[in-house]
Amino acid sequence: MTEKIENQKVAQNEPTAIDIIRDLADNCRWEDALEQLELLEEKYPDNPDVLYEFARIYFELGNYPTAISYYENLIELHETPVMYFNLGMAYEANDEKDRAISNYLKCLAINPKFSFAYKKLGTLFMARGDNEDAKEYFTDYLTFDVSADEAQDIKKIIERL
């Protein structure tokens, strides 16, 4: 991309710079998206949308330490259950299970109805050999609206624990 999207005027119904960056990332144009994000970061260093897109792209690229750093910076500015969940996923992908567990628990502390965190916790506790905790979180997960097939699979896991 030769033009700087940060300087584009945004008319009504015209995409914003972040929308364009998201489109680039969604089309796997990672380098273009990162280049445009760097331009925006210079101008808006603490913008949550910019930090989130950096974290999301670095996660997708498998650069988990950098994604973790961006998620942590983002949480300092804007603490939400989704950000803790995403940070947990980044730690999990980076093989830092204890930190992943900590962030999934923070996610649930803010929003106890965040169902996917229960499943993640069940899986991580099971991987750690903490079967009682795994059973507890898998059982909690089943209280949410999950498909019949998934519920059956989770019940089989609980039985084996």
C-alpha atoms as a PDB file:
ATOM      1  CA  MET A   1       0.000   0.000   0.000  1.00  0.00           C
ATOM      2  CA  THR A   2       1.477   3.297  -0.987  1.00  0.00           C
ATOM      3  CA  GLU A   3      -0.912   5.671   0.708  1.00  0.00           C
ATOM      4  CA  LYS A   4      -1.046   6.268   4.424  1.00  0.00           C
ATOM      5  CA  ILE A   5      -4.447   5.265   5.681  1.00  0.00           C
ATOM      6  CA  GLU A   6      -4.142   7.413   8.797  1.00  0.00           C
ATOM      7  CA  ASN A   7      -4.473  10.554   6.663  1.00  0.00           C
ATOM      8  CA  GLN A   8      -7.563   9.457   4.777  1.00  0.00           C
ATOM      9  CA  LYS A   9     -10.671  11.437   5.454  1.00  0.00           C
ATOM     10  CA  VAL A  10     -13.474   9.251   6.663  1.00  0.00           C
ATOM     11  CA  ALA A  11     -16.757  10.125   5.035  1.00  0.00           C
ATOM     12  CA  GLN A  12     -20.016   8.731   6.277  1.00  0.00           C
ATOM     13  CA  ASN A  13     -20.144   4.966   5.570  1.00  0.00           C
ATOM     14  CA  GLU A  14     -16.490   4.970   4.516  1.00  0.00           C
ATOM     15  CA  PRO A  15     -14.265   2.507   6.383  1.00  0.00           C
ATOM     16  CA  THR A  16     -11.968   3.782   9.122  1.00  0.00           C
ATOM     17  CA  ALA A  17      -8.242   3.089   9.232  1.00  0.00           C
ATOM     18  CA  ILE A  18      -8.853   0.260  11.702  1.00  0.00           C
ATOM     19  CA  ASP A  19     -11.503  -1.234   9.389  1.00  0.00           C
ATOM     20  CA  ILE A  20      -8.976  -1.218   6.554  1.00  0.00           C
ATOM     21  CA  ILE A  21      -6.334  -2.821   8.779  1.00  0.00           C
ATOM     22  CA  ARG A  22      -8.796  -5.510   9.870  1.00  0.00           C
ATOM     23  CA  ASP A  23      -9.628  -6.194   6.238  1.00  0.00           C
ATOM     24  CA  LEU A  24      -5.930  -6.533   5.422  1.00  0.00           C
ATOM     25  CA  ALA A  25      -5.448  -8.949   8.326  1.00  0.00           C
ATOM     26  CA  ASP A  26      -8.578 -10.921   7.439  1.00  0.00           C
ATOM     27  CA  ASN A  27      -7.103 -11.373   3.968  1.00  0.00           C
ATOM     28  CA  CYS A  28      -3.753 -12.533   5.412  1.00  0.00           C
ATOM     29  CA  ARG A  29      -1.959  -9.377   4.286  1.00  0.00           C
ATOM     30  CA  TRP A  30      -0.090  -9.347   7.588  1.00  0.00           C
ATOM     31  CA  GLU A  31       2.841  -7.159   6.564  1.00  0.00           C
ATOM     32  CA  ASP A  32       0.570  -4.491   5.080  1.00  0.00           C
ATOM     33  CA  ALA A  33      -1.611  -4.553   8.194  1.00  0.00           C
ATOM     34  CA  LEU A  34       1.405  -4.277  10.513  1.00  0.00           C
ATOM     35  CA  GLU A  35       2.852  -1.431   8.448  1.00  0.00           C
ATOM     36  CA  GLN A  36      -0.394   0.521   8.728  1.00  0.00           C
ATOM     37  CA  LEU A  37      -0.696  -0.265  12.444  1.00  0.00           C
ATOM     38  CA  GLU A  38       2.793   1.097  13.044  1.00  0.00           C
ATOM     39  CA  LEU A  39       1.731   4.357  11.407  1.00  0.00           C
ATOM     40  CA  LEU A  40      -1.328   4.557  13.634  1.00  0.00           C
ATOM     41  CA  GLU A  41       0.646   3.610  16.746  1.00  0.00           C
ATOM     42  CA  GLU A  42       2.982   6.568  16.198  1.00  0.00           C
ATOM     43  CA  LYS A  43      -0.003   8.883  16.234  1.00  0.00           C
ATOM     44  CA  TYR A  44      -2.131   7.023  18.827  1.00  0.00           C
ATOM     45  CA  PRO A  45       0.205   4.966  21.056  1.00  0.00           C
ATOM     46  CA  ASP A  46      -2.450   4.087  23.647  1.00  0.00           C
ATOM     47  CA  ASN A  47      -5.354   3.446  21.305  1.00  0.00           C
ATOM     48  CA  PRO A  48      -7.060   0.186  22.382  1.00  0.00           C
ATOM     49  CA  ASP A  49      -8.094  -0.702  18.820  1.00  0.00           C
ATOM     50  CA  VAL A  50      -4.514  -0.355  17.606  1.00  0.00           C
ATOM     51  CA  LEU A  51      -3.123  -2.422  20.485  1.00  0.00           C
ATOM     52  CA  TYR A  52      -5.797  -5.084  19.979  1.00  0.00           C
ATOM     53  CA  GLU A  53      -5.065  -5.419  16.271  1.00  0.00           C
ATOM     54  CA  PHE A  54      -1.331  -5.743  16.953  1.00  0.00           C
ATOM     55  CA  ALA A  55      -2.045  -8.471  19.525  1.00  0.00           C
ATOM     56  CA  ARG A  56      -4.466 -10.276  17.227  1.00  0.00           C
ATOM     57  CA  ILE A  57      -2.108 -10.239  14.253  1.00  0.00           C
ATOM     58  CA  TYR A  58       0.937 -11.334  16.243  1.00  0.00           C
ATOM     59  CA  PHE A  59      -1.142 -14.155  17.734  1.00  0.00           C
ATOM     60  CA  GLU A  60      -2.219 -15.251  14.255  1.00  0.00           C
ATOM     61  CA  LEU A  61       1.414 -15.154  13.105  1.00  0.00           C
ATOM     62  CA  GLY A  62       2.456 -17.348  16.039  1.00  0.00           C
ATOM     63  CA  ASN A  63       4.523 -14.627  17.691  1.00  0.00           C
ATOM     64  CA  TYR A  64       2.998 -15.304  21.102  1.00  0.00           C
ATOM     65  CA  PRO A  65       5.450 -13.323  23.265  1.00  0.00           C
ATOM     66  CA  THR A  66       4.722 -10.161  21.269  1.00  0.00           C
ATOM     67  CA  ALA A  67       0.969 -10.852  21.318  1.00  0.00           C
ATOM     68  CA  ILE A  68       1.192 -11.317  25.098  1.00  0.00           C
ATOM     69  CA  SER A  69       2.960  -7.990  25.468  1.00  0.00           C
ATOM     70  CA  TYR A  70       0.286  -6.165  23.472  1.00  0.00           C
ATOM     71  CA  TYR A  71      -2.561  -7.870  25.373  1.00  0.00           C
ATOM     72  CA  GLU A  72      -0.944  -6.942  28.693  1.00  0.00           C
ATOM     73  CA  ASN A  73      -0.586  -3.315  27.585  1.00  0.00           C
ATOM     74  CA  LEU A  74      -4.176  -3.327  26.410  1.00  0.00           C
ATOM     75  CA  ILE A  75      -5.448  -4.712  29.727  1.00  0.00           C
ATOM     76  CA  GLU A  76      -3.730  -1.849  31.550  1.00  0.00           C
ATOM     77  CA  LEU A  77      -5.869   0.532  29.498  1.00  0.00           C
ATOM     78  CA  HIS A  78      -9.056  -1.467  29.059  1.00  0.00           C
ATOM     79  CA  GLU A  79      -9.709  -4.426  31.362  1.00  0.00           C
ATOM     80  CA  THR A  80     -12.358  -6.770  29.952  1.00  0.00           C
ATOM     81  CA  PRO A  81     -13.095 -10.489  30.215  1.00  0.00           C
ATOM     82  CA  VAL A  82     -12.416 -10.904  26.488  1.00  0.00           C
ATOM     83  CA  MET A  83      -8.941  -9.400  26.862  1.00  0.00           C
ATOM     84  CA  TYR A  84      -8.130 -11.744  29.761  1.00  0.00           C
ATOM     85  CA  PHE A  85      -9.459 -14.680  27.739  1.00  0.00           C
ATOM     86  CA  ASN A  86      -7.334 -13.704  24.731  1.00  0.00           C
ATOM     87  CA  LEU A  87      -4.292 -13.227  26.956  1.00  0.00           C
ATOM     88  CA  GLY A  88      -4.966 -16.669  28.414  1.00  0.00           C
ATOM     89  CA  MET A  89      -5.055 -18.142  24.911  1.00  0.00           C
ATOM     90  CA  ALA A  90      -1.751 -16.454  24.063  1.00  0.00           C
ATOM     91  CA  TYR A  91      -0.122 -17.805  27.230  1.00  0.00           C
ATOM     92  CA  GLU A  92      -1.560 -21.247  26.501  1.00  0.00           C
ATOM     93  CA  ALA A  93      -0.200 -21.149  22.941  1.00  0.00           C
ATOM     94  CA  ASN A  94       3.164 -20.079  24.369  1.00  0.00           C
ATOM     95  CA  ASP A  95       3.070 -23.173  26.649  1.00  0.00           C
ATOM     96  CA  GLU A  96       2.682 -21.106  29.822  1.00  0.00           C
ATOM     97  CA  LYS A  97      -0.213 -23.047  31.308  1.00  0.00           C
ATOM     98  CA  ASP A  98      -0.149 -21.511  34.793  1.00  0.00           C
ATOM     99  CA  ARG A  99      -0.338 -17.995  33.388  1.00  0.00           C
ATOM    100  CA  ALA A 100      -3.082 -19.097  31.013  1.00  0.00           C
ATOM    101  CA  ILE A 101      -5.066 -20.485  33.953  1.00  0.00           C
ATOM    102  CA  SER A 102      -4.557 -17.250  35.882  1.00  0.00           C
ATOM    103  CA  ASN A 103      -5.948 -15.170  33.017  1.00  0.00           C
ATOM    104  CA  TYR A 104      -8.923 -17.462  32.386  1.00  0.00           C
ATOM    105  CA  LEU A 105      -9.741 -17.151  36.093  1.00  0.00           C
ATOM    106  CA  LYS A 106      -9.511 -13.343  35.835  1.00  0.00           C
ATOM    107  CA  CYS A 107     -11.868 -13.519  32.869  1.00  0.00           C
ATOM    108  CA  LEU A 108     -14.390 -15.433  34.995  1.00  0.00           C
ATOM    109  CA  ALA A 109     -13.953 -13.074  37.941  1.00  0.00           C
ATOM    110  CA  ILE A 110     -15.198 -10.260  35.721  1.00  0.00           C
ATOM    111  CA  ASN A 111     -17.808 -12.305  33.858  1.00  0.00           C
ATOM    112  CA  PRO A 112     -18.801 -15.654  35.398  1.00  0.00           C
ATOM    113  CA  LYS A 113     -20.949 -16.378  32.328  1.00  0.00           C
ATOM    114  CA  PHE A 114     -17.973 -16.509  29.934  1.00  0.00           C
ATOM    115  CA  SER A 115     -18.538 -20.167  29.086  1.00  0.00           C
ATOM    116  CA  PHE A 116     -15.452 -20.836  26.980  1.00  0.00           C
ATOM    117  CA  ALA A 117     -13.185 -19.985  29.916  1.00  0.00           C
ATOM    118  CA  TYR A 118     -14.680 -22.902  31.865  1.00  0.00           C
ATOM    119  CA  LYS A 119     -13.864 -25.289  29.037  1.00  0.00           C
ATOM    120  CA  LYS A 120     -10.325 -23.922  28.716  1.00  0.00           C
ATOM    121  CA  LEU A 121      -9.798 -24.257  32.469  1.00  0.00           C
ATOM    122  CA  GLY A 122     -11.112 -27.812  32.441  1.00  0.00           C
ATOM    123  CA  THR A 123      -8.729 -28.693  29.644  1.00  0.00           C
ATOM    124  CA  LEU A 124      -5.705 -27.070  31.285  1.00  0.00           C
ATOM    125  CA  PHE A 125      -6.373 -28.576  34.707  1.00  0.00           C
ATOM    126  CA  MET A 126      -6.784 -31.974  33.054  1.00  0.00           C
ATOM    127  CA  ALA A 127      -3.467 -31.515  31.221  1.00  0.00           C
ATOM    128  CA  ARG A 128      -1.853 -30.644  34.562  1.00  0.00           C
ATOM    129  CA  GLY A 129      -3.289 -33.746  36.195  1.00  0.00           C
ATOM    130  CA  ASP A 130      -5.592 -31.744  38.492  1.00  0.00           C
ATOM    131  CA  ASN A 131      -8.569 -33.992  37.767  1.00  0.00           C
ATOM    132  CA  GLU A 132     -10.884 -32.660  40.478  1.00  0.00           C
ATOM    133  CA  ASP A 133     -10.476 -29.085  39.280  1.00  0.00           C
ATOM    134  CA  ALA A 134     -10.887 -30.263  35.685  1.00  0.00           C
ATOM    135  CA  LYS A 135     -14.162 -32.024  36.587  1.00  0.00           C
ATOM    136  CA  GLU A 136     -15.412 -28.900  38.336  1.00  0.00           C
ATOM    137  CA  TYR A 137     -14.771 -26.607  35.376  1.00  0.00           C
ATOM    138  CA  PHE A 138     -16.067 -29.083  32.796  1.00  0.00           C
ATOM    139  CA  THR A 139     -19.226 -29.547  34.896  1.00  0.00           C
ATOM    140  CA  ASP A 140     -19.648 -25.771  35.112  1.00  0.00           C
ATOM    141  CA  TYR A 141     -19.190 -25.564  31.338  1.00  0.00           C
ATOM    142  CA  LEU A 142     -22.075 -27.998  30.837  1.00  0.00           C
ATOM    143  CA  THR A 143     -24.461 -25.570  32.585  1.00  0.00           C
ATOM    144  CA  PHE A 144     -24.217 -23.346  29.506  1.00  0.00           C
ATOM    145  CA  ASP A 145     -25.912 -23.780  26.167  1.00  0.00           C
ATOM    146  CA  VAL A 146     -23.580 -26.270  24.462  1.00  0.00           C
ATOM    147  CA  SER A 147     -24.482 -28.563  21.605  1.00  0.00           C
ATOM    148  CA  ALA A 148     -25.679 -32.057  22.444  1.00  0.00           C
ATOM    149  CA  ASP A 149     -22.624 -33.592  20.766  1.00  0.00           C
ATOM    150  CA  GLU A 150     -20.218 -31.411  22.701  1.00  0.00           C
ATOM    151  CA  ALA A 151     -22.051 -32.064  25.964  1.00  0.00           C
ATOM    152  CA  GLN A 152     -21.779 -35.791  25.328  1.00  0.00           C
ATOM    153  CA  ASP A 153     -18.023 -35.462  24.646  1.00  0.00           C
ATOM    154  CA  ILE A 154     -17.481 -33.419  27.824  1.00  0.00           C
ATOM    155  CA  LYS A 155     -19.469 -35.926  29.891  1.00  0.00           C
ATOM    156  CA  LYS A 156     -17.218 -38.722  28.583  1.00  0.00           C
ATOM    157  CA  ILE A 157     -14.152 -36.732  29.613  1.00  0.00           C
ATOM    158  CA  ILE A 158     -15.602 -36.180  33.096  1.00  0.00           C
ATOM    159  CA  GLU A 159     -16.316 -39.917  33.430  1.00  0.00           C
ATOM    160  CA  ARG A 160     -12.697 -40.760  32.579  1.00  0.00           C
ATOM    161  CA  LEU A 161     -11.387 -38.321  35.147  1.00  0.00           C
END
